[in-house]
């Protein structure tokens, strides 16, 4: 399994209302973009969320959040959220909205 299709299916409706929404394969999973900027994605059965570096430390203190590190070099401003922390739709939506807000703050690509 490259990525959890059911998690991706739960994420899409949260993002699809944005006219800049797109998705593409990335990180061995799927990335969800707003205006060409990654907001979040699914890697294996985890959610990847891109957020403002100022929110990074606070996000890491939330249940189920950990450093996003595929290469041995942690990516500052990116967190990996475990499936256990995403069981409730409201929790998933909160994480995805953090990614959307960050992506919308960037200039379109």
Protein backbone atom coordinates (compact mmCIF):
# COMPACT_ATOMS: atom_id res chain seq x y z
CA UNK A 1 0.00 0.00 0.00
CA UNK A 2 1.56 3.27 -1.11
CA UNK A 3 -1.10 5.30 0.68
CA UNK A 4 -4.43 4.78 2.40
CA UNK A 5 -7.16 5.40 -0.20
CA UNK A 6 -9.85 5.64 2.47
CA UNK A 7 -7.98 8.43 4.27
CA UNK A 8 -7.47 10.24 0.95
CA UNK A 9 -11.20 9.87 0.28
CA UNK A 10 -11.96 11.52 3.63
CA UNK A 11 -9.58 14.42 2.91
CA UNK A 12 -10.80 15.29 -0.61
CA UNK A 13 -14.24 16.69 0.32
CA UNK A 14 -12.65 19.10 2.78
CA UNK A 15 -10.45 20.56 0.04
CA UNK A 16 -12.60 20.26 -3.09
CA UNK A 17 -14.61 23.41 -2.38
CA UNK A 18 -11.46 25.50 -2.96
CA UNK A 19 -11.20 26.51 -6.66
CA UNK A 20 -7.41 26.09 -6.51
CA UNK A 21 -7.64 22.43 -5.44
CA UNK A 22 -5.51 19.81 -7.18
CA UNK A 23 -3.82 16.56 -6.26
CA UNK A 24 -0.77 14.67 -7.46
CA UNK A 25 1.42 11.75 -6.53
CA UNK A 26 4.24 12.78 -4.21
CA UNK A 27 6.39 11.34 -1.38
CA UNK A 28 5.29 7.85 -2.41
CA UNK A 29 1.73 8.92 -1.58
CA UNK A 30 -0.65 11.63 -2.68
CA UNK A 31 -0.39 15.37 -2.15
CA UNK A 32 -3.31 17.79 -2.00
CA UNK A 33 -2.55 21.26 -3.30
CA UNK A 34 -4.20 24.66 -3.17
CA UNK A 35 -3.08 27.03 -5.96
CA UNK A 36 -0.06 24.77 -6.59
CA UNK A 37 1.10 24.76 -2.95
CA UNK A 38 0.90 21.60 -0.88
CA UNK A 39 -1.58 21.81 1.97
CA UNK A 40 -1.52 18.20 3.09
CA UNK A 41 -1.15 14.68 1.82
CA UNK A 42 -1.41 11.01 2.64
CA UNK A 43 1.69 8.85 3.07
CA UNK A 44 1.03 5.21 3.96
CA UNK A 45 -1.79 5.54 6.51
CA UNK A 46 -0.65 8.89 7.92
CA UNK A 47 -1.69 12.44 7.11
CA UNK A 48 1.08 14.88 6.20
CA UNK A 49 0.28 18.51 7.03
CA UNK A 50 2.26 21.51 5.89
CA UNK A 51 1.95 24.48 8.21
CA UNK A 52 3.52 27.74 9.18
CA UNK A 53 6.83 27.24 10.99
CA UNK A 54 5.50 29.37 13.83
CA UNK A 55 2.74 26.77 14.39
CA UNK A 56 5.11 23.81 14.06
CA UNK A 57 6.13 23.31 17.71
CA UNK A 58 2.57 23.71 18.93
CA UNK A 59 1.34 21.20 16.34
CA UNK A 60 3.92 18.64 17.46
CA UNK A 61 2.44 18.80 20.98
CA UNK A 62 -0.95 17.59 19.71
CA UNK A 63 -1.85 13.90 20.11
CA UNK A 64 -0.68 11.76 17.21
CA UNK A 65 1.56 14.40 15.64
CA UNK A 66 5.20 13.68 14.93
CA UNK A 67 8.07 15.03 12.85
CA UNK A 68 7.79 14.37 9.11
CA UNK A 69 11.06 12.70 8.15
CA UNK A 70 11.47 10.49 5.09
CA UNK A 71 15.20 10.94 4.56
CA UNK A 72 16.75 11.26 8.02
CA UNK A 73 16.45 15.04 7.82
CA UNK A 74 13.24 16.30 9.49
CA UNK A 75 11.24 18.77 7.42
CA UNK A 76 10.54 21.81 9.59
CA UNK A 77 6.99 23.04 9.07
CA UNK A 78 5.67 19.58 8.14
CA UNK A 79 4.05 17.13 10.54
CA UNK A 80 2.94 13.54 10.23
CA UNK A 81 -0.34 12.71 11.95
CA UNK A 82 -1.06 9.10 12.90
CA UNK A 83 -4.33 7.34 12.03
CA UNK A 84 -5.36 7.12 15.69
CA UNK A 85 -5.46 10.93 15.86
CA UNK A 86 -7.68 11.09 12.75
CA UNK A 87 -10.47 8.69 13.67
CA UNK A 88 -12.95 11.51 14.28
CA UNK A 89 -13.90 13.55 11.21
CA UNK A 90 -13.65 16.79 13.21
CA UNK A 91 -10.02 16.02 14.12
CA UNK A 92 -9.16 15.26 10.49
CA UNK A 93 -10.83 18.47 9.36
CA UNK A 94 -8.90 20.57 11.91
CA UNK A 95 -5.60 19.20 10.62
CA UNK A 96 -6.54 19.62 6.95
CA UNK A 97 -7.71 23.19 7.57
CA UNK A 98 -4.31 24.05 9.08
CA UNK A 99 -2.73 22.92 5.83
CA UNK A 100 -5.27 24.82 3.72
CA UNK A 101 -4.67 28.03 5.66
CA UNK A 102 -0.94 27.74 5.14
CA UNK A 103 -1.22 26.93 1.43
CA UNK A 104 -3.59 29.87 0.89
CA UNK A 105 -1.07 32.19 2.56
CA UNK A 106 1.51 31.46 -0.15
CA UNK A 107 1.64 33.02 -3.61
CA UNK A 108 0.07 30.79 -6.29
CA UNK A 109 2.47 28.68 -8.34
